[in-house]
Amino acid sequence: MADFFDTSAQSDLDLLHSSIRNHSELDNVVDRVEHNVIDHYKQRKQVYHTVTGKENLYGTSREIEVMLLGYDEQTPVDSDADLKEALKYTIADIVSYVLRTYDRQSGVESIQQGKRSITYRRAASDSRSWQDGWSLPLRNFDERTPLYGI
């Protein structure tokens, strides 16, 4: 069951696009989207690599944490009120997008050339297929260490 978006609360349903508020897959998609949003912000905390002379110092924490400012790992429903509101709006936007494109086929089902084949699927509920800008309401809460390389 979703912690941040309640499909039985009218105030949460009002955030969804009007055409999908009674969709048969609403509860399933909300749960999956919420899980994937939270999973997108998971990262190992305090993992660092420092080279001083010939010593390599590594962080000892290998625990994976949700890197959202104000997120309560023990009881997510007790997270910061601003974060909960941002998560609710984010989930509503993504669920509206996913369910409005749920029955549409995006391109070709399958192409086969010799031994190679590729399959294009419908919009799934993972962050790679969501609309651009889906994470904007959460940008001020993002505490992930940026990945970079030289």
Foldseek 3Di string as FASTA:
>chain_A
DDLQADLVDPVLLVLADPVCNPPPCLVVLLVLLLVQVQVVQKDFPQFDWDDDPHDTDTGPGRDIDRQFAQADPVRRNNGDPLQSVLSSNLSRQQSNQCVVQVPPADDAQKDDDVPDMDGGGTQDSHPVRTDPPSCVSRPVGRRDDDDDDD
